[in-house]
Amino acid sequence: QVQLVESGGGLVQAGGSLRLSCAASVRTFRNYAMGWFRQAPGKEREFVGAISGTGGRTDYADSVKGRFTISRDNAKNTVYLQMNSLKPEDTAVYYCAGDRTIGAVDRRLEREYDYWGQGTQVTVSS
């Protein structure tokens, strides 16, 4: 069973930065496309961004494009979400997700992912 554990959430002022990490317990991490999603209070979970298994391809929601960057270190079985220029509307629980489909790219739908982390809270104060 694949386990994903997020960390790095917290409270930050608007305009600040945070870096989230997601560590995966799987031997073939490089085969997994990874995604980040978020869920704000009272709202549905939404796509934030995704990265291919090799890290050569990334995809972002329009709301975060230019502010957030996804990267991965396959030697450490970890994917990152660097969040800059944070806004109060970025406040949410952030989840990482793994897609075991080899060669998957640009996965934006929750149902395309097989494994999920427990989430980490990000709060941006105004």
Foldseek 3Di string as FASTA:
>chain_A
DKAKAKDWADEEAAQAKTKMKIAIDDDQLLQKKKFKWWDDPPGDIFGAKIAHSPRPDIDGDPVQPPFWDWGDDVVRRMIMIIGGRDDQVVWTWMKMFIANHGPDDDDTDPVRTDDIHPTDTHGYHD
